[in-house]
Each structure stands twice: as C-alpha cells, then as structure tokens.
Amino acid sequence: MPMSERLMRVLIVDDEPLARQRLVDLLQDRSGVVLVGEAASGPEALEAIQELQPDLVFLDVQMPGMTGLDVVRQLGPEHMPLTIFVTAYDQYALKAFEVAAVDYLLKPFDDERFEQAFERARRLWRLQEVETLRERLLTLLQNEQPEPPKPPASPYLERIAVEMRGQVRVIPVQQIEYIIASGPYAELHVGTQVYVIREQMQTLEERLNPEQFIRIHRSAIVRIDLIDVLLRGAGGRYAVRLKNGVRLKVSRSRREALERRLGLIPKA
C-alpha cells in the first residue's frame, strides 16, 4: 500500500501521565493517524518501538533512569522512527534538536506549536526522508558523548528555556531573582519580567545550585546574594527583603536552614 494511503502510526513516550494525555488529546480524531501505544519509561519505549514499529514517536528527553537519548543510543539511530523530542529544559541543546530530530516541543507548548511539529513530521514521513534524519541522530549521539566521556561541568541548571508566544526565550539562571509557585506552574522573576514554566518547586529546588539559591517557603525560592534583610516579626513570623525591595515570607520549617546559609548561626 502506498505511504499516502496508510495510517501514520504514532507512539507517545513520557513518564508524566498528564503529559501523555495532552499529546493523546491533540492526536485524537486526526485523520490519517493511529495512536499505536504509550510508554512511561525508557525500557518501555525500547520494547514498544521494536514491537509496534511506529512511524513517529514523541519522545520525552528527561525521564528517570533512562533518558530519551539513551533510548536512541540503545536502539540505534538506524532503527529509530521519526522522532519529536519533548523537553522542559534546554540542557540537551535546543539547536541540536533542530538538526537531529524532526522537531522538538518545549513544555509547556500550545496547540499551534504542536501543529507545526506534527505537520513537519508528517511531511517528512510522506517524503521518506528518514535516512538523512537518522544520520543526524547518529551525529548527535557521537557529539553528545565524546571520547573519552567526561562528566558534565555542573549537575545544576545553567539556563531555563521558556516558550512564549511562539518563541523560545533562554533565561540564564544567574539572572533569576526569585521563583514563586503558582499551581502547577512556576513564575521566574527577572527584573521587571515574569516568565512562567510548568514545573514543580521541588524539581527546581533540586536542579538549582544550592550555593546560589535557597527555598525559603513551599512556594518561594530566592537567589541568596539578593537577600538584603532577614525580618523577624511577632509570633515567630519571618520574612526576607531582597535588594530590589521585594518581601517574601519564610516558613518556620525553613528558617533555620536560611539562618545557617546566611551565617547567622553556626553550621551543623
């Protein structure tokens, strides 16, 4: 059967159920497409790609245990279907995604951005340009793991990519003054600008350098060198005033850690 007459087989790989459901919803009722399966981890992805033989895979990059690039490496670029990487960070180099995969989706993405990536994949599928992309994937893997392999310079985030109005803005973390939780989102405050990403505060706390940032409340992370004054209020309430005048609450459970970090009490 000619390619133009058969259904495009799609596989979704993401460890987050909500992220998978978002892609399922966007693919539903789309003509010429069939969702052949979902996978929630790297090992599941390997098995699904080999058994289901999808034409296109939406592949989450940052999965625990085995990343999306690990999946490509273990399966081999020559056996990979067309691939759209999905990521919340730019640490794997967005420029590399642009040349090594069909496209990438930076979380959170809107319907228009998804449409652009998907239609690009469908055009490539119809034109059967898979071999060129596989060669680029192989080049990416070779560059991503040089010989001899070296550990990354830092385990912490140096930049955060934010998608807004169809553009990707890369924010150096040293420019971030403080971060405020807002439901499932996090607001990055940079001067007078506020950038919103879909990320949990716990994840950001773990990914930011503790020498530069400290969590002072369940809903607030601040850059340590911007703390100007620690304010003690009545009833054991604490707050910090930043050098830009912003005041943020300090929870009781995090007060001691903050005081140690500021050198107000001896380190344990």
C-alpha atoms as a PDB file:
ATOM      1  CA  MET A   1       0.000   0.000   0.000  1.00  0.00           C
ATOM      2  CA  PRO A   2       1.447   3.434  -0.863  1.00  0.00           C
ATOM      3  CA  MET A   3       2.502   5.536   2.114  1.00  0.00           C
ATOM      4  CA  SER A   4      -0.084   8.200   1.298  1.00  0.00           C
ATOM      5  CA  GLU A   5      -2.891   5.612   1.722  1.00  0.00           C
ATOM      6  CA  ARG A   6      -1.918   4.016   5.008  1.00  0.00           C
ATOM      7  CA  LEU A   7      -2.263   5.404   8.505  1.00  0.00           C
ATOM      8  CA  MET A   8       0.656   7.073  10.229  1.00  0.00           C
ATOM      9  CA  ARG A   9       1.467   5.045  13.351  1.00  0.00           C
ATOM     10  CA  VAL A  10       2.326   7.175  16.407  1.00  0.00           C
ATOM     11  CA  LEU A  11       3.861   6.229  19.764  1.00  0.00           C
ATOM     12  CA  ILE A  12       3.955   8.533  22.823  1.00  0.00           C
ATOM     13  CA  VAL A  13       6.776   8.203  25.392  1.00  0.00           C
ATOM     14  CA  ASP A  14       6.689  10.310  28.582  1.00  0.00           C
ATOM     15  CA  ASP A  15       6.982   9.436  32.253  1.00  0.00           C
ATOM     16  CA  GLU A  16       4.307  12.007  33.182  1.00  0.00           C
ATOM     17  CA  PRO A  17       0.691  10.755  32.706  1.00  0.00           C
ATOM     18  CA  LEU A  18      -0.647  14.281  32.195  1.00  0.00           C
ATOM     19  CA  ALA A  19       1.955  14.985  29.524  1.00  0.00           C
ATOM     20  CA  ARG A  20       0.995  11.779  27.692  1.00  0.00           C
ATOM     21  CA  GLN A  21      -2.705  12.636  27.921  1.00  0.00           C
ATOM     22  CA  ARG A  22      -2.008  16.101  26.493  1.00  0.00           C
ATOM     23  CA  LEU A  23      -0.476  14.514  23.388  1.00  0.00           C
ATOM     24  CA  VAL A  24      -3.269  11.933  23.154  1.00  0.00           C
ATOM     25  CA  ASP A  25      -5.853  14.717  23.177  1.00  0.00           C
ATOM     26  CA  LEU A  26      -4.024  16.589  20.429  1.00  0.00           C
ATOM     27  CA  LEU A  27      -3.830  13.470  18.251  1.00  0.00           C
ATOM     28  CA  GLN A  28      -7.445  12.367  18.758  1.00  0.00           C
ATOM     29  CA  ASP A  29      -9.743  12.457  15.730  1.00  0.00           C
ATOM     30  CA  ARG A  30      -6.834  13.459  13.496  1.00  0.00           C
ATOM     31  CA  SER A  31      -7.314  11.934  10.051  1.00  0.00           C
ATOM     32  CA  GLY A  32      -4.681   9.570   8.734  1.00  0.00           C
ATOM     33  CA  VAL A  33      -3.194   8.921  12.187  1.00  0.00           C
ATOM     34  CA  VAL A  34      -3.451   5.995  14.591  1.00  0.00           C
ATOM     35  CA  LEU A  35      -2.042   6.005  18.137  1.00  0.00           C
ATOM     36  CA  VAL A  36      -0.446   2.569  18.476  1.00  0.00           C
ATOM     37  CA  GLY A  37       0.710   2.864  22.074  1.00  0.00           C
ATOM     38  CA  GLU A  38       2.120   4.752  25.039  1.00  0.00           C
ATOM     39  CA  ALA A  39       5.232   4.185  27.142  1.00  0.00           C
ATOM     40  CA  ALA A  40       6.099   5.657  30.533  1.00  0.00           C
ATOM     41  CA  SER A  41       9.837   4.909  30.691  1.00  0.00           C
ATOM     42  CA  GLY A  42      12.928   4.318  28.603  1.00  0.00           C
ATOM     43  CA  PRO A  43      12.768   0.490  28.817  1.00  0.00           C
ATOM     44  CA  GLU A  44       9.084   0.532  27.874  1.00  0.00           C
ATOM     45  CA  ALA A  45       9.935   2.796  24.943  1.00  0.00           C
ATOM     46  CA  LEU A  46      12.573   0.364  23.656  1.00  0.00           C
ATOM     47  CA  GLU A  47      10.117  -2.517  23.764  1.00  0.00           C
ATOM     48  CA  ALA A  48       7.258  -0.522  22.208  1.00  0.00           C
ATOM     49  CA  ILE A  49       9.353   0.814  19.316  1.00  0.00           C
ATOM     50  CA  GLN A  50      10.586  -2.680  18.468  1.00  0.00           C
ATOM     51  CA  GLU A  51       7.176  -4.355  18.763  1.00  0.00           C
ATOM     52  CA  LEU A  52       4.830  -1.676  17.440  1.00  0.00           C
ATOM     53  CA  GLN A  53       7.051  -0.294  14.654  1.00  0.00           C
ATOM     54  CA  PRO A  54       5.690   3.298  14.848  1.00  0.00           C
ATOM     55  CA  ASP A  55       6.308   5.813  12.083  1.00  0.00           C
ATOM     56  CA  LEU A  56       6.592   8.680  14.578  1.00  0.00           C
ATOM     57  CA  VAL A  57       7.487   8.799  18.275  1.00  0.00           C
ATOM     58  CA  PHE A  58       7.020  11.715  20.672  1.00  0.00           C
ATOM     59  CA  LEU A  59       9.993  11.067  22.968  1.00  0.00           C
ATOM     60  CA  ASP A  60      10.442  12.746  26.356  1.00  0.00           C
ATOM     61  CA  VAL A  61      14.111  13.592  26.873  1.00  0.00           C
ATOM     62  CA  GLN A  62      14.323  13.801  30.639  1.00  0.00           C
ATOM     63  CA  MET A  63      12.988  10.534  32.079  1.00  0.00           C
ATOM     64  CA  PRO A  64      14.355   8.978  35.289  1.00  0.00           C
ATOM     65  CA  GLY A  65      16.686   6.048  34.820  1.00  0.00           C
ATOM     66  CA  MET A  66      16.900   6.180  31.045  1.00  0.00           C
ATOM     67  CA  THR A  67      16.691   9.417  29.069  1.00  0.00           C
ATOM     68  CA  GLY A  68      15.264   9.803  25.590  1.00  0.00           C
ATOM     69  CA  LEU A  69      18.778   9.996  24.183  1.00  0.00           C
ATOM     70  CA  ASP A  70      19.610   6.745  25.978  1.00  0.00           C
ATOM     71  CA  VAL A  71      16.689   5.152  24.148  1.00  0.00           C
ATOM     72  CA  VAL A  72      18.106   6.325  20.812  1.00  0.00           C
ATOM     73  CA  ARG A  73      21.571   5.134  21.764  1.00  0.00           C
ATOM     74  CA  GLN A  74      20.455   1.639  22.837  1.00  0.00           C
ATOM     75  CA  LEU A  75      18.082   1.063  19.955  1.00  0.00           C
ATOM     76  CA  GLY A  76      20.428   2.600  17.394  1.00  0.00           C
ATOM     77  CA  PRO A  77      19.599   5.578  15.143  1.00  0.00           C
ATOM     78  CA  GLU A  78      19.179   3.246  12.170  1.00  0.00           C
ATOM     79  CA  HIS A  79      16.209   1.619  13.918  1.00  0.00           C
ATOM     80  CA  MET A  80      14.557   4.826  15.162  1.00  0.00           C
ATOM     81  CA  PRO A  81      11.320   6.108  13.635  1.00  0.00           C
ATOM     82  CA  LEU A  82      10.836   9.804  13.009  1.00  0.00           C
ATOM     83  CA  THR A  83      11.323  11.489  16.395  1.00  0.00           C
ATOM     84  CA  ILE A  84       9.934  14.617  18.014  1.00  0.00           C
ATOM     85  CA  PHE A  85      11.756  15.281  21.286  1.00  0.00           C
ATOM     86  CA  VAL A  86       9.719  16.658  24.197  1.00  0.00           C
ATOM     87  CA  THR A  87      11.570  18.510  26.966  1.00  0.00           C
ATOM     88  CA  ALA A  88      11.148  21.010  29.779  1.00  0.00           C
ATOM     89  CA  TYR A  89      14.758  22.256  29.704  1.00  0.00           C
ATOM     90  CA  ASP A  90      17.328  23.323  27.161  1.00  0.00           C
ATOM     91  CA  GLN A  91      20.222  21.406  28.757  1.00  0.00           C
ATOM     92  CA  TYR A  92      20.422  18.955  25.853  1.00  0.00           C
ATOM     93  CA  ALA A  93      20.847  21.894  23.439  1.00  0.00           C
ATOM     94  CA  LEU A  94      17.804  23.030  21.504  1.00  0.00           C
ATOM     95  CA  LYS A  95      19.975  23.688  18.463  1.00  0.00           C
ATOM     96  CA  ALA A  96      20.957  20.026  18.395  1.00  0.00           C
ATOM     97  CA  PHE A  97      17.294  19.018  18.438  1.00  0.00           C
ATOM     98  CA  GLU A  98      16.599  21.246  15.454  1.00  0.00           C
ATOM     99  CA  VAL A  99      19.132  19.438  13.293  1.00  0.00           C
ATOM    100  CA  ALA A 100      18.990  15.946  14.795  1.00  0.00           C
ATOM    101  CA  ALA A 101      15.271  15.262  15.092  1.00  0.00           C
ATOM    102  CA  VAL A 102      12.145  16.149  13.160  1.00  0.00           C
ATOM    103  CA  ASP A 103      11.444  18.837  15.743  1.00  0.00           C
ATOM    104  CA  TYR A 104      11.208  19.431  19.490  1.00  0.00           C
ATOM    105  CA  LEU A 105       8.408  20.540  21.794  1.00  0.00           C
ATOM    106  CA  LEU A 106       9.359  22.628  24.796  1.00  0.00           C
ATOM    107  CA  LYS A 107       6.974  22.181  27.722  1.00  0.00           C
ATOM    108  CA  PRO A 108       4.565  23.840  28.104  1.00  0.00           C
ATOM    109  CA  PHE A 109       3.662  24.028  24.405  1.00  0.00           C
ATOM    110  CA  ASP A 110       0.480  25.312  22.813  1.00  0.00           C
ATOM    111  CA  ASP A 111      -1.682  23.763  20.095  1.00  0.00           C
ATOM    112  CA  GLU A 112      -0.087  25.860  17.361  1.00  0.00           C
ATOM    113  CA  ARG A 113       3.437  24.740  18.250  1.00  0.00           C
ATOM    114  CA  PHE A 114       2.304  21.107  18.323  1.00  0.00           C
ATOM    115  CA  GLU A 115       0.672  21.529  14.928  1.00  0.00           C
ATOM    116  CA  GLN A 116       3.896  22.878  13.431  1.00  0.00           C
ATOM    117  CA  ALA A 117       5.959  19.978  14.748  1.00  0.00           C
ATOM    118  CA  PHE A 118       3.437  17.301  13.809  1.00  0.00           C
ATOM    119  CA  GLU A 119       2.868  18.569  10.265  1.00  0.00           C
ATOM    120  CA  ARG A 120       6.599  18.746   9.726  1.00  0.00           C
ATOM    121  CA  ALA A 121       6.859  15.102  10.783  1.00  0.00           C
ATOM    122  CA  ARG A 122       4.005  14.091   8.523  1.00  0.00           C
ATOM    123  CA  ARG A 123       5.604  15.819   5.528  1.00  0.00           C
ATOM    124  CA  LEU A 124       8.906  14.059   6.182  1.00  0.00           C
ATOM    125  CA  TRP A 125       7.125  10.736   6.585  1.00  0.00           C
ATOM    126  CA  ARG A 126       5.424  11.181   3.246  1.00  0.00           C
ATOM    127  CA  LEU A 127       8.643  12.239   1.565  1.00  0.00           C
ATOM    128  CA  GLN A 128      10.503   9.304   3.120  1.00  0.00           C
ATOM    129  CA  GLU A 129      13.415  11.437   4.338  1.00  0.00           C
ATOM    130  CA  VAL A 130      14.125   9.167   7.276  1.00  0.00           C
ATOM    131  CA  GLU A 131      17.671   8.202   6.343  1.00  0.00           C
ATOM    132  CA  THR A 132      19.006  11.759   6.469  1.00  0.00           C
ATOM    133  CA  LEU A 133      17.484  12.287   9.907  1.00  0.00           C
ATOM    134  CA  ARG A 134      18.926   9.012  11.201  1.00  0.00           C
ATOM    135  CA  GLU A 135      22.378  10.137  10.137  1.00  0.00           C
ATOM    136  CA  ARG A 136      21.859  13.388  12.033  1.00  0.00           C
ATOM    137  CA  LEU A 137      20.740  11.456  15.117  1.00  0.00           C
ATOM    138  CA  LEU A 138      23.923   9.403  14.920  1.00  0.00           C
ATOM    139  CA  THR A 139      25.989  12.595  14.701  1.00  0.00           C
ATOM    140  CA  LEU A 140      24.153  13.989  17.736  1.00  0.00           C
ATOM    141  CA  LEU A 141      24.914  10.879  19.793  1.00  0.00           C
ATOM    142  CA  GLN A 142      28.572  10.959  18.791  1.00  0.00           C
ATOM    143  CA  ASN A 143      28.847  14.625  19.782  1.00  0.00           C
ATOM    144  CA  GLU A 144      26.755  14.179  22.916  1.00  0.00           C
ATOM    145  CA  GLN A 145      29.147  11.536  24.291  1.00  0.00           C
ATOM    146  CA  PRO A 146      32.703  12.483  23.280  1.00  0.00           C
ATOM    147  CA  GLU A 147      35.700  10.168  23.714  1.00  0.00           C
ATOM    148  CA  PRO A 148      36.781   9.813  26.380  1.00  0.00           C
ATOM    149  CA  PRO A 149      33.455  10.530  28.128  1.00  0.00           C
ATOM    150  CA  LYS A 150      33.642  13.335  30.668  1.00  0.00           C
ATOM    151  CA  PRO A 151      31.205  14.176  33.434  1.00  0.00           C
ATOM    152  CA  PRO A 152      29.188  17.361  32.940  1.00  0.00           C
ATOM    153  CA  ALA A 153      30.801  20.531  34.272  1.00  0.00           C
ATOM    154  CA  SER A 154      27.867  21.110  36.602  1.00  0.00           C
ATOM    155  CA  PRO A 155      24.894  18.970  37.654  1.00  0.00           C
ATOM    156  CA  TYR A 156      22.804  22.099  38.085  1.00  0.00           C
ATOM    157  CA  LEU A 157      20.793  24.141  35.626  1.00  0.00           C
ATOM    158  CA  GLU A 158      22.621  26.982  33.939  1.00  0.00           C
ATOM    159  CA  ARG A 159      19.737  28.061  31.686  1.00  0.00           C
ATOM    160  CA  ILE A 160      15.961  27.588  31.577  1.00  0.00           C
ATOM    161  CA  ALA A 161      14.139  27.722  28.241  1.00  0.00           C
ATOM    162  CA  VAL A 162      10.730  29.405  28.269  1.00  0.00           C
ATOM    163  CA  GLU A 163       8.295  29.166  25.370  1.00  0.00           C
ATOM    164  CA  MET A 164       6.114  32.240  24.977  1.00  0.00           C
ATOM    165  CA  ARG A 165       4.059  33.495  22.057  1.00  0.00           C
ATOM    166  CA  GLY A 166       5.661  31.082  19.628  1.00  0.00           C
ATOM    167  CA  GLN A 167       9.224  31.990  20.638  1.00  0.00           C
ATOM    168  CA  VAL A 168      11.760  30.317  22.898  1.00  0.00           C
ATOM    169  CA  ARG A 169      13.495  32.580  25.406  1.00  0.00           C
ATOM    170  CA  VAL A 170      16.562  31.129  27.164  1.00  0.00           C
ATOM    171  CA  ILE A 171      16.962  32.574  30.669  1.00  0.00           C
ATOM    172  CA  PRO A 172      20.384  32.259  32.395  1.00  0.00           C
ATOM    173  CA  VAL A 173      19.688  31.167  35.958  1.00  0.00           C
ATOM    174  CA  GLN A 174      22.033  33.802  37.360  1.00  0.00           C
ATOM    175  CA  GLN A 175      19.547  36.414  36.129  1.00  0.00           C
ATOM    176  CA  ILE A 176      16.662  34.896  38.111  1.00  0.00           C
ATOM    177  CA  GLU A 177      15.974  36.857  41.310  1.00  0.00           C
ATOM    178  CA  TYR A 178      13.287  34.643  42.838  1.00  0.00           C
ATOM    179  CA  ILE A 179      10.747  31.987  41.878  1.00  0.00           C
ATOM    180  CA  ILE A 180       7.128  31.815  43.035  1.00  0.00           C
ATOM    181  CA  ALA A 181       4.869  28.751  42.784  1.00  0.00           C
ATOM    182  CA  SER A 182       1.523  29.247  41.043  1.00  0.00           C
ATOM    183  CA  GLY A 183      -0.403  25.983  40.998  1.00  0.00           C
ATOM    184  CA  PRO A 184       1.337  23.578  38.593  1.00  0.00           C
ATOM    185  CA  TYR A 185       3.443  26.453  37.253  1.00  0.00           C
ATOM    186  CA  ALA A 186       6.452  28.396  38.492  1.00  0.00           C
ATOM    187  CA  GLU A 187       6.977  32.121  37.930  1.00  0.00           C
ATOM    188  CA  LEU A 188      10.572  33.141  37.230  1.00  0.00           C
ATOM    189  CA  HIS A 189      11.118  36.762  38.269  1.00  0.00           C
ATOM    190  CA  VAL A 190      13.848  38.500  36.287  1.00  0.00           C
ATOM    191  CA  GLY A 191      13.945  42.230  36.924  1.00  0.00           C
ATOM    192  CA  THR A 192      10.550  43.568  35.882  1.00  0.00           C
ATOM    193  CA  GLN A 193       9.814  40.488  33.755  1.00  0.00           C
ATOM    194  CA  VAL A 194       7.946  37.357  34.842  1.00  0.00           C
ATOM    195  CA  TYR A 195       8.358  34.110  32.872  1.00  0.00           C
ATOM    196  CA  VAL A 196       6.075  31.135  33.500  1.00  0.00           C
ATOM    197  CA  ILE A 197       7.095  27.484  33.143  1.00  0.00           C
ATOM    198  CA  ARG A 198       5.264  24.284  34.016  1.00  0.00           C
ATOM    199  CA  GLU A 199       7.449  22.810  36.728  1.00  0.00           C
ATOM    200  CA  GLN A 200       7.200  21.786  40.379  1.00  0.00           C
ATOM    201  CA  MET A 201       9.108  23.744  43.007  1.00  0.00           C
ATOM    202  CA  GLN A 202      10.642  20.534  44.375  1.00  0.00           C
ATOM    203  CA  THR A 203      12.173  19.786  40.981  1.00  0.00           C
ATOM    204  CA  LEU A 204      13.514  23.323  40.604  1.00  0.00           C
ATOM    205  CA  GLU A 205      14.970  23.246  44.120  1.00  0.00           C
ATOM    206  CA  GLU A 206      16.860  20.055  43.254  1.00  0.00           C
ATOM    207  CA  ARG A 207      18.056  21.366  39.869  1.00  0.00           C
ATOM    208  CA  LEU A 208      19.289  24.791  41.059  1.00  0.00           C
ATOM    209  CA  ASN A 209      22.717  25.251  42.629  1.00  0.00           C
ATOM    210  CA  PRO A 210      22.230  25.386  46.443  1.00  0.00           C
ATOM    211  CA  GLU A 211      25.200  27.757  46.622  1.00  0.00           C
ATOM    212  CA  GLN A 212      23.148  30.287  44.635  1.00  0.00           C
ATOM    213  CA  PHE A 213      19.507  29.568  45.524  1.00  0.00           C
ATOM    214  CA  ILE A 214      17.609  28.568  48.653  1.00  0.00           C
ATOM    215  CA  ARG A 215      13.989  27.604  49.184  1.00  0.00           C
ATOM    216  CA  ILE A 216      12.522  29.725  51.964  1.00  0.00           C
ATOM    217  CA  HIS A 217       8.899  28.636  51.680  1.00  0.00           C
ATOM    218  CA  ARG A 218       6.956  25.880  49.946  1.00  0.00           C
ATOM    219  CA  SER A 219       6.042  28.483  47.314  1.00  0.00           C
ATOM    220  CA  ALA A 220       9.255  30.550  47.119  1.00  0.00           C
ATOM    221  CA  ILE A 221      12.893  30.127  46.063  1.00  0.00           C
ATOM    222  CA  VAL A 222      15.283  33.096  46.198  1.00  0.00           C
ATOM    223  CA  ARG A 223      18.762  33.900  44.974  1.00  0.00           C
ATOM    224  CA  ILE A 224      20.884  34.074  48.105  1.00  0.00           C
ATOM    225  CA  ASP A 225      23.072  37.025  47.108  1.00  0.00           C
ATOM    226  CA  LEU A 226      19.969  39.204  46.669  1.00  0.00           C
ATOM    227  CA  ILE A 227      18.784  38.796  50.268  1.00  0.00           C
ATOM    228  CA  ASP A 228      19.237  42.181  51.946  1.00  0.00           C
ATOM    229  CA  VAL A 229      17.478  41.831  55.308  1.00  0.00           C
ATOM    230  CA  LEU A 230      16.038  38.981  57.374  1.00  0.00           C
ATOM    231  CA  LEU A 231      12.934  40.366  59.086  1.00  0.00           C
ATOM    232  CA  ARG A 232      11.702  38.973  62.403  1.00  0.00           C
ATOM    233  CA  GLY A 233       8.050  39.618  63.147  1.00  0.00           C
ATOM    234  CA  ALA A 234       5.671  38.925  66.006  1.00  0.00           C
ATOM    235  CA  GLY A 235       4.624  35.352  66.714  1.00  0.00           C
ATOM    236  CA  GLY A 236       7.767  33.839  65.238  1.00  0.00           C
ATOM    237  CA  ARG A 237       6.964  35.043  61.731  1.00  0.00           C
ATOM    238  CA  TYR A 238       9.920  35.680  59.446  1.00  0.00           C
ATOM    239  CA  ALA A 239      10.391  37.255  56.038  1.00  0.00           C
ATOM    240  CA  VAL A 240      13.215  38.392  53.808  1.00  0.00           C
ATOM    241  CA  ARG A 241      13.562  41.683  51.979  1.00  0.00           C
ATOM    242  CA  LEU A 242      15.507  41.499  48.754  1.00  0.00           C
ATOM    243  CA  LYS A 243      17.769  44.229  47.437  1.00  0.00           C
ATOM    244  CA  ASN A 244      15.048  45.186  44.953  1.00  0.00           C
ATOM    245  CA  GLY A 245      12.616  45.793  47.837  1.00  0.00           C
ATOM    246  CA  VAL A 246      10.521  42.637  47.370  1.00  0.00           C
ATOM    247  CA  ARG A 247       9.408  40.975  50.624  1.00  0.00           C
ATOM    248  CA  LEU A 248       8.892  37.206  50.788  1.00  0.00           C
ATOM    249  CA  LYS A 249       7.664  35.028  53.648  1.00  0.00           C
ATOM    250  CA  VAL A 250       9.959  32.494  55.308  1.00  0.00           C
ATOM    251  CA  SER A 251       8.283  29.353  56.639  1.00  0.00           C
ATOM    252  CA  ARG A 252       9.165  28.216  60.162  1.00  0.00           C
ATOM    253  CA  SER A 253      10.407  24.856  58.896  1.00  0.00           C
ATOM    254  CA  ARG A 254      12.936  26.562  56.591  1.00  0.00           C
ATOM    255  CA  ARG A 255      14.030  29.434  58.863  1.00  0.00           C
ATOM    256  CA  GLU A 256      16.956  27.601  60.497  1.00  0.00           C
ATOM    257  CA  ALA A 257      18.399  26.469  57.157  1.00  0.00           C
ATOM    258  CA  LEU A 258      18.188  30.046  55.904  1.00  0.00           C
ATOM    259  CA  GLU A 259      19.899  31.429  59.013  1.00  0.00           C
ATOM    260  CA  ARG A 260      22.706  28.875  58.653  1.00  0.00           C
ATOM    261  CA  ARG A 261      23.105  29.769  54.991  1.00  0.00           C
ATOM    262  CA  LEU A 262      23.335  33.460  55.891  1.00  0.00           C
ATOM    263  CA  GLY A 263      25.881  32.703  58.628  1.00  0.00           C
ATOM    264  CA  LEU A 264      23.598  33.845  61.445  1.00  0.00           C
ATOM    265  CA  ILE A 265      24.015  30.556  63.304  1.00  0.00           C
ATOM    266  CA  PRO A 266      26.913  28.056  63.125  1.00  0.00           C
ATOM    267  CA  LYS A 267      26.669  25.314  60.546  1.00  0.00           C
ATOM    268  CA  ALA A 268      25.902  21.876  61.983  1.00  0.00           C
END
